[in-house]
Amino acid sequence: MSGVPQLPANTLFDVRLKKDQARQRAYNQILEQALQKVAHSATAPNQPTFVYFNVPAFVLGLPGLDLKDCIVYIVFQLRTQGYDVRYTYPNLLWISWAHHERQYLMEKNPIVQSMMPPKMAGPEKRRGASQVSLQQAATSTPNAGPALRAADYTPPAGFVETMERPSPYAKPRQSVRFSDAKDSLGNVLDELWKI
């Protein structure tokens, strides 16, 4: 029995595992280069909130790269860190953090924070009190009848004739009725109301 050749199944992927770990270390080094470029651009004054990054096809001293696999890995890692990433064939990445800038300005920027009005204490109490008063107002008139919709409202017949608009030729505090107007604008409005 000692002369029987053996190959345990759990050792089949040892070599492949070592190669994959080496490739992941190489991908992480390239990802670190991209993050350093982002950090440099973010700390420089008056810079846009995006960078372009060329994923290198090979790096001296690192094992051979599968460029597509490396790009997928880098894009995934950057997106999970909150960056907006766009890919352009064959190896160009656009990395943006502009969508975080508004959040920074509103929540963390000390200049903007000093201009914000102070927060009122106890807004829940005011909301609760207004709800109670509204409920009391609604229940205080039980014989008022059903509430009407705005679409059911019809203005009185004399409503249109009594509307007044300021005249460009009138003295201050004088107004002209639509039916009395002599200019074409007044006549057009008068015709619209008669239809």
N, C-alpha and C. Protein backbone atom coordinates (compact mmCIF):
# COMPACT_ATOMS: atom_id res chain seq x y z
N MET A 1 0.80 -1.18 0.00
CA MET A 1 0.00 0.00 0.00
C MET A 1 0.84 1.25 0.00
N SER A 2 2.05 1.18 0.43
CA SER A 2 2.88 2.37 0.50
C SER A 2 3.31 2.83 -0.89
N GLY A 3 3.24 2.00 -1.89
CA GLY A 3 3.66 2.37 -3.23
C GLY A 3 2.55 2.94 -4.09
N VAL A 4 1.37 3.18 -3.52
CA VAL A 4 0.24 3.71 -4.29
C VAL A 4 0.40 5.22 -4.43
N PRO A 5 0.39 5.72 -5.66
CA PRO A 5 0.50 7.18 -5.84
C PRO A 5 -0.75 7.88 -5.34
N GLN A 6 -0.55 9.03 -4.73
CA GLN A 6 -1.67 9.79 -4.18
C GLN A 6 -1.55 11.26 -4.59
N LEU A 7 -2.70 11.87 -4.79
CA LEU A 7 -2.79 13.31 -5.05
C LEU A 7 -4.03 13.81 -4.35
N PRO A 8 -3.90 14.33 -3.13
CA PRO A 8 -5.09 14.79 -2.40
C PRO A 8 -5.77 15.93 -3.16
N ALA A 9 -7.09 15.90 -3.17
CA ALA A 9 -7.86 16.88 -3.93
C ALA A 9 -7.72 18.30 -3.38
N ASN A 10 -7.48 18.42 -2.08
CA ASN A 10 -7.39 19.77 -1.51
C ASN A 10 -6.08 20.47 -1.87
N THR A 11 -5.10 19.76 -2.43
CA THR A 11 -3.84 20.38 -2.83
C THR A 11 -3.82 20.78 -4.30
N LEU A 12 -4.89 20.52 -5.03
CA LEU A 12 -4.90 20.82 -6.46
C LEU A 12 -4.83 22.33 -6.74
N PHE A 13 -5.36 23.13 -5.86
CA PHE A 13 -5.44 24.56 -6.13
C PHE A 13 -4.39 25.38 -5.39
N ASP A 14 -3.41 24.72 -4.77
CA ASP A 14 -2.38 25.46 -4.03
C ASP A 14 -1.59 26.38 -4.94
N VAL A 15 -1.17 25.90 -6.08
CA VAL A 15 -0.38 26.70 -7.01
C VAL A 15 -1.23 27.83 -7.57
N ARG A 16 -2.46 27.51 -7.90
CA ARG A 16 -3.36 28.54 -8.45
C ARG A 16 -3.67 29.61 -7.40
N LEU A 17 -3.80 29.19 -6.15
CA LEU A 17 -4.06 30.14 -5.07
C LEU A 17 -2.90 31.11 -4.91
N LYS A 18 -1.67 30.61 -4.98
CA LYS A 18 -0.50 31.48 -4.86
C LYS A 18 -0.45 32.48 -6.02
N LYS A 19 -0.77 32.04 -7.22
CA LYS A 19 -0.77 32.96 -8.37
C LYS A 19 -1.85 34.02 -8.23
N ASP A 20 -3.03 33.61 -7.78
CA ASP A 20 -4.12 34.57 -7.61
C ASP A 20 -3.80 35.59 -6.51
N GLN A 21 -3.15 35.14 -5.44
CA GLN A 21 -2.76 36.08 -4.39
C GLN A 21 -1.72 37.07 -4.89
N ALA A 22 -0.80 36.60 -5.72
CA ALA A 22 0.21 37.50 -6.29
C ALA A 22 -0.45 38.51 -7.23
N ARG A 23 -1.42 38.07 -8.03
CA ARG A 23 -2.13 39.01 -8.91
C ARG A 23 -2.92 40.03 -8.10
N GLN A 24 -3.53 39.59 -7.00
CA GLN A 24 -4.28 40.53 -6.17
C GLN A 24 -3.35 41.57 -5.56
N ARG A 25 -2.16 41.17 -5.14
CA ARG A 25 -1.20 42.15 -4.63
C ARG A 25 -0.82 43.15 -5.71
N ALA A 26 -0.67 42.68 -6.94
CA ALA A 26 -0.35 43.59 -8.05
C ALA A 26 -1.52 44.54 -8.31
N TYR A 27 -2.75 44.04 -8.31
CA TYR A 27 -3.92 44.89 -8.52
C TYR A 27 -4.04 45.94 -7.40
N ASN A 28 -3.72 45.53 -6.16
CA ASN A 28 -3.79 46.47 -5.05
C ASN A 28 -2.73 47.57 -5.18
N GLN A 29 -1.56 47.25 -5.74
CA GLN A 29 -0.55 48.28 -5.96
C GLN A 29 -1.02 49.29 -7.00
N ILE A 30 -1.67 48.81 -8.04
CA ILE A 30 -2.20 49.73 -9.06
C ILE A 30 -3.35 50.54 -8.48
N LEU A 31 -4.19 49.92 -7.67
CA LEU A 31 -5.27 50.65 -7.00
C LEU A 31 -4.70 51.72 -6.08
N GLU A 32 -3.61 51.42 -5.41
CA GLU A 32 -2.97 52.40 -4.54
C GLU A 32 -2.46 53.59 -5.35
N GLN A 33 -1.93 53.34 -6.55
CA GLN A 33 -1.50 54.44 -7.42
C GLN A 33 -2.68 55.33 -7.79
N ALA A 34 -3.81 54.72 -8.11
CA ALA A 34 -5.01 55.50 -8.47
C ALA A 34 -5.47 56.33 -7.28
N LEU A 35 -5.48 55.75 -6.09
CA LEU A 35 -5.91 56.48 -4.90
C LEU A 35 -4.94 57.61 -4.55
N GLN A 36 -3.64 57.41 -4.78
CA GLN A 36 -2.68 58.48 -4.55
C GLN A 36 -2.92 59.64 -5.51
N LYS A 37 -3.27 59.34 -6.75
CA LYS A 37 -3.57 60.39 -7.72
C LYS A 37 -4.82 61.15 -7.31
N VAL A 38 -5.83 60.44 -6.82
CA VAL A 38 -7.05 61.09 -6.34
C VAL A 38 -6.74 61.97 -5.14
N ALA A 39 -5.96 61.46 -4.19
CA ALA A 39 -5.63 62.23 -2.99
C ALA A 39 -4.84 63.48 -3.34
N HIS A 40 -3.91 63.37 -4.27
CA HIS A 40 -3.12 64.54 -4.67
C HIS A 40 -4.01 65.59 -5.32
N SER A 41 -4.91 65.17 -6.18
CA SER A 41 -5.80 66.12 -6.85
C SER A 41 -6.79 66.74 -5.88
N ALA A 42 -7.23 65.98 -4.90
CA ALA A 42 -8.21 66.50 -3.94
C ALA A 42 -7.59 67.52 -2.99
N THR A 43 -6.31 67.39 -2.69
CA THR A 43 -5.67 68.32 -1.76
C THR A 43 -5.11 69.55 -2.46
N ALA A 44 -4.91 69.49 -3.77
CA ALA A 44 -4.40 70.65 -4.50
C ALA A 44 -5.50 71.70 -4.63
N PRO A 45 -5.15 72.98 -4.50
CA PRO A 45 -6.19 74.02 -4.58
C PRO A 45 -6.69 74.21 -6.01
N ASN A 46 -7.96 74.53 -6.12
CA ASN A 46 -8.61 74.85 -7.41
C ASN A 46 -8.48 73.74 -8.44
N GLN A 47 -8.60 72.53 -8.00
CA GLN A 47 -8.55 71.39 -8.91
C GLN A 47 -9.96 70.85 -9.10
N PRO A 48 -10.24 70.25 -10.27
CA PRO A 48 -11.57 69.65 -10.45
C PRO A 48 -11.74 68.45 -9.54
N THR A 49 -12.97 68.02 -9.40
CA THR A 49 -13.26 66.91 -8.50
C THR A 49 -13.28 65.58 -9.25
N PHE A 50 -12.35 65.43 -10.18
CA PHE A 50 -12.21 64.16 -10.90
C PHE A 50 -10.77 64.04 -11.39
N VAL A 51 -10.37 62.81 -11.70
CA VAL A 51 -9.06 62.55 -12.31
C VAL A 51 -9.24 61.49 -13.38
N TYR A 52 -8.29 61.48 -14.31
CA TYR A 52 -8.20 60.42 -15.29
C TYR A 52 -7.03 59.53 -14.87
N PHE A 53 -7.25 58.22 -14.92
CA PHE A 53 -6.19 57.29 -14.53
C PHE A 53 -6.05 56.23 -15.61
N ASN A 54 -4.82 56.08 -16.12
CA ASN A 54 -4.53 55.03 -17.09
C ASN A 54 -4.05 53.79 -16.34
N VAL A 55 -4.77 52.71 -16.50
CA VAL A 55 -4.37 51.45 -15.87
C VAL A 55 -3.23 50.88 -16.71
N PRO A 56 -2.06 50.68 -16.10
CA PRO A 56 -0.93 50.20 -16.90
C PRO A 56 -1.14 48.75 -17.35
N ALA A 57 -0.70 48.48 -18.57
CA ALA A 57 -0.84 47.12 -19.10
C ALA A 57 0.11 46.15 -18.40
N PHE A 58 1.24 46.66 -17.95
CA PHE A 58 2.19 45.84 -17.18
C PHE A 58 2.96 46.76 -16.25
N VAL A 59 3.47 46.17 -15.19
CA VAL A 59 4.30 46.89 -14.23
C VAL A 59 5.56 46.06 -14.02
N LEU A 60 6.71 46.72 -14.18
CA LEU A 60 7.97 45.99 -14.00
C LEU A 60 8.08 45.51 -12.56
N GLY A 61 8.46 44.27 -12.40
CA GLY A 61 8.63 43.70 -11.08
C GLY A 61 7.38 43.02 -10.55
N LEU A 62 6.26 43.14 -11.25
CA LEU A 62 5.03 42.48 -10.83
C LEU A 62 4.70 41.37 -11.81
N PRO A 63 3.96 40.35 -11.37
CA PRO A 63 3.58 39.28 -12.29
C PRO A 63 2.70 39.82 -13.42
N GLY A 64 2.59 39.05 -14.48
CA GLY A 64 1.78 39.46 -15.63
C GLY A 64 0.35 39.76 -15.24
N LEU A 65 -0.20 40.82 -15.81
CA LEU A 65 -1.55 41.27 -15.46
C LEU A 65 -2.55 40.88 -16.54
N ASP A 66 -3.71 40.50 -16.11
CA ASP A 66 -4.85 40.40 -17.01
C ASP A 66 -5.53 41.77 -16.95
N LEU A 67 -5.37 42.58 -18.00
CA LEU A 67 -5.80 43.98 -17.96
C LEU A 67 -7.29 44.12 -17.68
N LYS A 68 -8.11 43.29 -18.32
CA LYS A 68 -9.57 43.39 -18.09
C LYS A 68 -9.92 43.04 -16.65
N ASP A 69 -9.31 41.99 -16.14
CA ASP A 69 -9.56 41.58 -14.76
C ASP A 69 -9.10 42.66 -13.78
N CYS A 70 -7.96 43.27 -14.07
CA CYS A 70 -7.43 44.34 -13.22
C CYS A 70 -8.36 45.54 -13.22
N ILE A 71 -8.88 45.93 -14.38
CA ILE A 71 -9.78 47.08 -14.47
C ILE A 71 -11.08 46.80 -13.72
N VAL A 72 -11.61 45.60 -13.88
CA VAL A 72 -12.84 45.25 -13.16
C VAL A 72 -12.61 45.32 -11.65
N TYR A 73 -11.47 44.82 -11.20
CA TYR A 73 -11.15 44.84 -9.77
C TYR A 73 -11.03 46.28 -9.26
N ILE A 74 -10.31 47.13 -10.00
CA ILE A 74 -10.11 48.52 -9.57
C ILE A 74 -11.42 49.28 -9.57
N VAL A 75 -12.23 49.12 -10.61
CA VAL A 75 -13.52 49.81 -10.67
C VAL A 75 -14.41 49.37 -9.51
N PHE A 76 -14.44 48.08 -9.23
CA PHE A 76 -15.26 47.59 -8.12
C PHE A 76 -14.80 48.18 -6.80
N GLN A 77 -13.49 48.17 -6.55
CA GLN A 77 -12.97 48.69 -5.29
C GLN A 77 -13.24 50.19 -5.14
N LEU A 78 -13.09 50.95 -6.21
CA LEU A 78 -13.34 52.39 -6.14
C LEU A 78 -14.82 52.69 -5.92
N ARG A 79 -15.68 51.94 -6.57
CA ARG A 79 -17.12 52.18 -6.40
C ARG A 79 -17.58 51.81 -4.99
N THR A 80 -17.00 50.77 -4.41
CA THR A 80 -17.39 50.43 -3.04
C THR A 80 -16.87 51.46 -2.05
N GLN A 81 -15.86 52.24 -2.43
CA GLN A 81 -15.36 53.30 -1.57
C GLN A 81 -16.10 54.62 -1.80
N GLY A 82 -17.07 54.64 -2.71
CA GLY A 82 -17.92 55.81 -2.88
C GLY A 82 -17.57 56.70 -4.06
N TYR A 83 -16.68 56.28 -4.93
CA TYR A 83 -16.32 57.09 -6.09
C TYR A 83 -17.23 56.75 -7.27
N ASP A 84 -17.39 57.73 -8.14
CA ASP A 84 -18.10 57.51 -9.40
C ASP A 84 -17.02 57.21 -10.43
N VAL A 85 -17.09 56.03 -11.07
CA VAL A 85 -16.04 55.59 -11.97
C VAL A 85 -16.64 55.26 -13.32
N ARG A 86 -16.00 55.77 -14.38
CA ARG A 86 -16.40 55.46 -15.76
C ARG A 86 -15.18 54.89 -16.48
N TYR A 87 -15.42 53.92 -17.32
CA TYR A 87 -14.35 53.23 -18.04
C TYR A 87 -14.41 53.60 -19.51
N THR A 88 -13.24 53.86 -20.09
CA THR A 88 -13.12 54.10 -21.53
C THR A 88 -12.08 53.12 -22.07
N TYR A 89 -12.44 52.44 -23.13
CA TYR A 89 -11.56 51.45 -23.74
C TYR A 89 -10.28 52.12 -24.21
N PRO A 90 -9.13 51.54 -24.07
CA PRO A 90 -8.81 50.22 -23.54
C PRO A 90 -8.47 50.23 -22.05
N ASN A 91 -7.96 51.37 -21.51
CA ASN A 91 -7.52 51.30 -20.11
C ASN A 91 -7.68 52.62 -19.36
N LEU A 92 -8.57 53.50 -19.78
CA LEU A 92 -8.72 54.80 -19.15
C LEU A 92 -9.89 54.79 -18.17
N LEU A 93 -9.64 55.27 -16.96
CA LEU A 93 -10.69 55.38 -15.94
C LEU A 93 -10.88 56.84 -15.58
N TRP A 94 -12.14 57.26 -15.49
CA TRP A 94 -12.51 58.59 -15.00
C TRP A 94 -13.04 58.38 -13.60
N ILE A 95 -12.38 58.97 -12.62
CA ILE A 95 -12.73 58.78 -11.21
C ILE A 95 -13.19 60.13 -10.66
N SER A 96 -14.42 60.18 -10.15
CA SER A 96 -14.98 61.44 -9.67
C SER A 96 -15.50 61.28 -8.24
N TRP A 97 -15.37 62.35 -7.48
CA TRP A 97 -15.92 62.43 -6.13
C TRP A 97 -16.76 63.69 -5.99
N ALA A 98 -17.25 64.23 -7.09
CA ALA A 98 -18.02 65.48 -7.08
C ALA A 98 -19.33 65.34 -6.32
N HIS A 99 -19.94 64.17 -6.36
CA HIS A 99 -21.23 63.99 -5.68
C HIS A 99 -21.09 64.07 -4.16
N HIS A 100 -19.88 63.98 -3.63
CA HIS A 100 -19.66 64.12 -2.19
C HIS A 100 -19.38 65.57 -1.80
N GLU A 101 -19.10 66.43 -2.79
CA GLU A 101 -18.74 67.81 -2.47
C GLU A 101 -19.90 68.57 -1.84
N ARG A 102 -21.11 68.41 -2.35
CA ARG A 102 -22.27 69.10 -1.77
C ARG A 102 -22.49 68.66 -0.32
N GLN A 103 -22.35 67.37 -0.08
CA GLN A 103 -22.51 66.87 1.29
C GLN A 103 -21.46 67.50 2.20
N TYR A 104 -20.23 67.62 1.72
CA TYR A 104 -19.18 68.26 2.52
C TYR A 104 -19.53 69.72 2.79
N LEU A 105 -19.96 70.43 1.76
CA LEU A 105 -20.27 71.85 1.94
C LEU A 105 -21.40 72.06 2.93
N MET A 106 -22.42 71.23 2.89
CA MET A 106 -23.58 71.43 3.76
C MET A 106 -23.36 70.90 5.18
N GLU A 107 -22.55 69.88 5.35
CA GLU A 107 -22.44 69.25 6.66
C GLU A 107 -21.12 69.50 7.38
N LYS A 108 -20.01 69.70 6.66
CA LYS A 108 -18.72 69.75 7.33
C LYS A 108 -17.96 71.06 7.14
N ASN A 109 -18.23 71.82 6.11
CA ASN A 109 -17.49 73.05 5.85
C ASN A 109 -17.75 74.05 6.97
N PRO A 110 -16.72 74.48 7.70
CA PRO A 110 -16.95 75.37 8.84
C PRO A 110 -17.48 76.74 8.43
N ILE A 111 -17.13 77.21 7.24
CA ILE A 111 -17.62 78.52 6.80
C ILE A 111 -19.12 78.46 6.57
N VAL A 112 -19.57 77.43 5.88
CA VAL A 112 -21.00 77.28 5.63
C VAL A 112 -21.73 77.01 6.93
N GLN A 113 -21.15 76.23 7.81
CA GLN A 113 -21.79 75.91 9.08
C GLN A 113 -21.99 77.16 9.93
N SER A 114 -21.05 78.12 9.85
CA SER A 114 -21.21 79.33 10.64
C SER A 114 -22.31 80.23 10.09
N MET A 115 -22.70 80.04 8.84
CA MET A 115 -23.77 80.85 8.24
C MET A 115 -25.13 80.19 8.35
N MET A 116 -25.19 78.96 8.80
CA MET A 116 -26.46 78.26 8.93
C MET A 116 -27.20 78.76 10.16
N PRO A 117 -28.53 78.88 10.09
CA PRO A 117 -29.27 79.31 11.28
C PRO A 117 -29.20 78.24 12.35
N PRO A 118 -29.25 78.65 13.61
CA PRO A 118 -29.20 77.64 14.68
C PRO A 118 -30.43 76.75 14.64
N LYS A 119 -30.25 75.51 15.03
CA LYS A 119 -31.36 74.56 15.02
C LYS A 119 -32.26 74.85 16.21
N MET A 120 -33.55 74.82 15.95
CA MET A 120 -34.53 75.07 17.01
C MET A 120 -34.65 73.83 17.88
N ALA A 121 -34.82 74.04 19.15
CA ALA A 121 -34.97 72.91 20.08
C ALA A 121 -36.43 72.48 20.12
N GLY A 122 -36.63 71.21 20.08
CA GLY A 122 -37.97 70.66 20.26
C GLY A 122 -38.92 70.83 19.10
N PRO A 123 -38.52 70.57 17.84
CA PRO A 123 -39.49 70.71 16.76
C PRO A 123 -40.60 69.66 16.83
N GLU A 124 -40.31 68.53 17.50
CA GLU A 124 -41.34 67.50 17.61
C GLU A 124 -42.51 67.99 18.46
N LYS A 125 -42.20 68.79 19.47
CA LYS A 125 -43.27 69.28 20.34
C LYS A 125 -44.20 70.21 19.58
N ARG A 126 -43.60 71.07 18.73
CA ARG A 126 -44.44 71.99 17.96
C ARG A 126 -45.31 71.23 16.96
N ARG A 127 -44.74 70.24 16.32
CA ARG A 127 -45.54 69.46 15.37
C ARG A 127 -46.70 68.77 16.07
N GLY A 128 -46.40 68.19 17.21
CA GLY A 128 -47.45 67.50 17.96
C GLY A 128 -48.53 68.47 18.39
N ALA A 129 -48.16 69.66 18.83
CA ALA A 129 -49.15 70.64 19.28
C ALA A 129 -50.01 71.11 18.12
N SER A 130 -49.39 71.30 16.94
CA SER A 130 -50.19 71.76 15.81
C SER A 130 -51.15 70.67 15.35
N GLN A 131 -50.73 69.43 15.44
CA GLN A 131 -51.64 68.36 15.07
C GLN A 131 -52.82 68.31 16.02
N VAL A 132 -52.57 68.51 17.29
CA VAL A 132 -53.65 68.49 18.27
C VAL A 132 -54.60 69.64 18.01
N SER A 133 -54.05 70.84 17.74
CA SER A 133 -54.92 71.99 17.52
C SER A 133 -55.72 71.82 16.23
N LEU A 134 -55.12 71.20 15.23
CA LEU A 134 -55.88 70.97 14.00
C LEU A 134 -57.01 69.98 14.24
N GLN A 135 -56.72 68.95 15.00
CA GLN A 135 -57.76 67.98 15.29
C GLN A 135 -58.87 68.62 16.13
N GLN A 136 -58.49 69.48 17.05
CA GLN A 136 -59.50 70.15 17.86
C GLN A 136 -60.34 71.07 17.00
N ALA A 137 -59.69 71.78 16.05
CA ALA A 137 -60.43 72.68 15.18
C ALA A 137 -61.38 71.90 14.28
N ALA A 138 -60.96 70.73 13.83
CA ALA A 138 -61.81 69.94 12.96
C ALA A 138 -63.00 69.36 13.72
N THR A 139 -62.78 69.03 14.97
CA THR A 139 -63.87 68.43 15.74
C THR A 139 -64.72 69.47 16.45
N SER A 140 -64.27 70.75 16.48
CA SER A 140 -65.03 71.75 17.21
C SER A 140 -66.28 72.20 16.45
N THR A 141 -66.36 71.98 15.13
CA THR A 141 -67.55 72.35 14.35
C THR A 141 -68.16 71.10 13.75
N PRO A 142 -68.88 70.32 14.52
CA PRO A 142 -69.42 69.06 14.00
C PRO A 142 -70.58 69.28 13.02
N ASN A 143 -71.27 70.40 13.06
CA ASN A 143 -72.42 70.63 12.18
C ASN A 143 -72.05 71.40 10.93
N ALA A 144 -70.77 71.50 10.58
CA ALA A 144 -70.34 72.30 9.44
C ALA A 144 -70.66 71.63 8.11
N GLY A 145 -70.86 70.37 8.04
CA GLY A 145 -71.15 69.68 6.80
C GLY A 145 -69.89 69.10 6.19
N PRO A 146 -70.03 68.41 5.06
CA PRO A 146 -68.86 67.78 4.44
C PRO A 146 -67.94 68.84 3.82
N ALA A 147 -66.65 68.53 3.78
CA ALA A 147 -65.67 69.44 3.19
C ALA A 147 -65.81 69.40 1.67
N LEU A 148 -65.70 70.56 1.03
CA LEU A 148 -65.82 70.65 -0.42
C LEU A 148 -64.44 70.64 -1.06
N ARG A 149 -64.37 70.15 -2.28
CA ARG A 149 -63.14 70.16 -3.03
C ARG A 149 -62.99 71.49 -3.75
N ALA A 150 -61.79 71.88 -4.05
CA ALA A 150 -61.54 73.13 -4.75
C ALA A 150 -62.11 73.08 -6.17
N ALA A 151 -62.15 71.91 -6.78
CA ALA A 151 -62.68 71.78 -8.14
C ALA A 151 -64.19 72.02 -8.17
N ASP A 152 -64.86 71.85 -7.05
CA ASP A 152 -66.30 72.05 -7.00
C ASP A 152 -66.69 73.51 -6.83
N TYR A 153 -65.72 74.40 -6.62
CA TYR A 153 -66.01 75.81 -6.38
C TYR A 153 -66.38 76.51 -7.68
N THR A 154 -67.46 77.27 -7.66
CA THR A 154 -67.84 78.12 -8.80
C THR A 154 -67.94 79.55 -8.27
N PRO A 155 -67.23 80.50 -8.90
CA PRO A 155 -67.28 81.87 -8.42
C PRO A 155 -68.64 82.49 -8.70
N PRO A 156 -69.02 83.51 -7.95
CA PRO A 156 -70.29 84.18 -8.20
C PRO A 156 -70.29 84.85 -9.57
N ALA A 157 -71.47 85.11 -10.11
CA ALA A 157 -71.59 85.66 -11.46
C ALA A 157 -70.91 87.02 -11.58
N GLY A 158 -70.99 87.86 -10.59
CA GLY A 158 -70.40 89.19 -10.67
C GLY A 158 -68.92 89.22 -10.33
N PHE A 159 -68.31 88.07 -10.12
CA PHE A 159 -66.91 88.00 -9.71
C PHE A 159 -65.99 88.55 -10.78
N VAL A 160 -66.21 88.19 -12.05
CA VAL A 160 -65.33 88.60 -13.13
C VAL A 160 -65.47 90.08 -13.41
N GLU A 161 -66.69 90.60 -13.36
CA GLU A 161 -66.89 92.01 -13.67
C GLU A 161 -66.29 92.92 -12.60
N THR A 162 -66.16 92.44 -11.40
CA THR A 162 -65.62 93.28 -10.33
C THR A 162 -64.11 93.18 -10.22
N MET A 163 -63.47 92.32 -11.03
CA MET A 163 -62.01 92.22 -10.99
C MET A 163 -61.41 93.51 -11.51
N GLU A 164 -60.38 93.98 -10.89
CA GLU A 164 -59.72 95.20 -11.30
C GLU A 164 -58.25 94.93 -11.54
N ARG A 165 -57.69 95.67 -12.47
CA ARG A 165 -56.26 95.56 -12.72
C ARG A 165 -55.70 96.97 -12.79
N PRO A 166 -54.44 97.16 -12.46
CA PRO A 166 -53.87 98.49 -12.53
C PRO A 166 -53.72 98.94 -13.97
N SER A 167 -54.01 100.19 -14.22
CA SER A 167 -53.87 100.74 -15.56
C SER A 167 -52.50 101.38 -15.70
N PRO A 168 -51.84 101.17 -16.84
CA PRO A 168 -50.53 101.81 -17.00
C PRO A 168 -50.65 103.32 -17.16
N TYR A 169 -51.85 103.82 -17.52
CA TYR A 169 -52.03 105.25 -17.75
C TYR A 169 -52.71 105.93 -16.57
N ALA A 170 -53.20 105.19 -15.63
CA ALA A 170 -53.93 105.78 -14.51
C ALA A 170 -52.97 106.33 -13.47
N LYS A 171 -53.46 107.24 -12.70
CA LYS A 171 -52.69 107.78 -11.60
C LYS A 171 -52.58 106.70 -10.53
N PRO A 172 -51.62 106.85 -9.65
CA PRO A 172 -51.53 105.85 -8.58
C PRO A 172 -52.83 105.79 -7.78
N ARG A 173 -53.15 104.60 -7.32
CA ARG A 173 -54.35 104.30 -6.54
C ARG A 173 -55.61 104.32 -7.38
N GLN A 174 -55.49 104.36 -8.69
CA GLN A 174 -56.66 104.21 -9.55
C GLN A 174 -56.53 102.88 -10.27
N SER A 175 -57.65 102.29 -10.61
CA SER A 175 -57.62 101.03 -11.34
C SER A 175 -58.71 101.05 -12.38
N VAL A 176 -58.61 100.12 -13.31
CA VAL A 176 -59.56 100.05 -14.42
C VAL A 176 -60.22 98.69 -14.39
N ARG A 177 -61.51 98.63 -14.59
CA ARG A 177 -62.21 97.35 -14.68
C ARG A 177 -62.01 96.78 -16.08
N PHE A 178 -62.04 95.44 -16.17
CA PHE A 178 -61.85 94.83 -17.47
C PHE A 178 -62.92 95.28 -18.46
N SER A 179 -64.12 95.40 -18.01
CA SER A 179 -65.20 95.78 -18.93
C SER A 179 -65.09 97.24 -19.35
N ASP A 180 -64.41 98.09 -18.57
CA ASP A 180 -64.26 99.50 -18.91
C ASP A 180 -63.01 99.78 -19.72
N ALA A 181 -62.11 98.81 -19.87
CA ALA A 181 -60.83 99.07 -20.51
C ALA A 181 -61.02 99.31 -21.99
N LYS A 182 -60.23 100.23 -22.54
CA LYS A 182 -60.31 100.57 -23.95
C LYS A 182 -59.18 99.95 -24.75
N ASP A 183 -58.12 99.51 -24.08
CA ASP A 183 -57.01 98.94 -24.83
C ASP A 183 -57.31 97.50 -25.24
N SER A 184 -56.49 96.97 -26.16
CA SER A 184 -56.76 95.64 -26.71
C SER A 184 -56.61 94.55 -25.65
N LEU A 185 -55.71 94.74 -24.69
CA LEU A 185 -55.53 93.74 -23.65
C LEU A 185 -56.79 93.59 -22.82
N GLY A 186 -57.40 94.69 -22.47
CA GLY A 186 -58.63 94.63 -21.71
C GLY A 186 -59.74 93.96 -22.50
N ASN A 187 -59.83 94.23 -23.80
CA ASN A 187 -60.87 93.61 -24.63
C ASN A 187 -60.65 92.12 -24.76
N VAL A 188 -59.40 91.69 -24.90
CA VAL A 188 -59.11 90.26 -25.01
C VAL A 188 -59.53 89.55 -23.73
N LEU A 189 -59.19 90.13 -22.60
CA LEU A 189 -59.58 89.51 -21.33
C LEU A 189 -61.09 89.50 -21.18
N ASP A 190 -61.73 90.58 -21.61
CA ASP A 190 -63.18 90.65 -21.53
C ASP A 190 -63.81 89.57 -22.39
N GLU A 191 -63.25 89.35 -23.58
CA GLU A 191 -63.77 88.31 -24.47
C GLU A 191 -63.54 86.91 -23.89
N LEU A 192 -62.41 86.72 -23.25
CA LEU A 192 -62.13 85.41 -22.64
C LEU A 192 -63.14 85.09 -21.55
N TRP A 193 -63.52 86.08 -20.76
CA TRP A 193 -64.43 85.83 -19.67
C TRP A 193 -65.85 85.61 -20.16
N LYS A 194 -66.19 86.12 -21.34
CA LYS A 194 -67.56 85.96 -21.85
C LYS A 194 -67.77 84.59 -22.47
N ILE A 195 -66.74 83.91 -22.86
CA ILE A 195 -66.88 82.62 -23.53
C ILE A 195 -67.40 81.57 -22.63
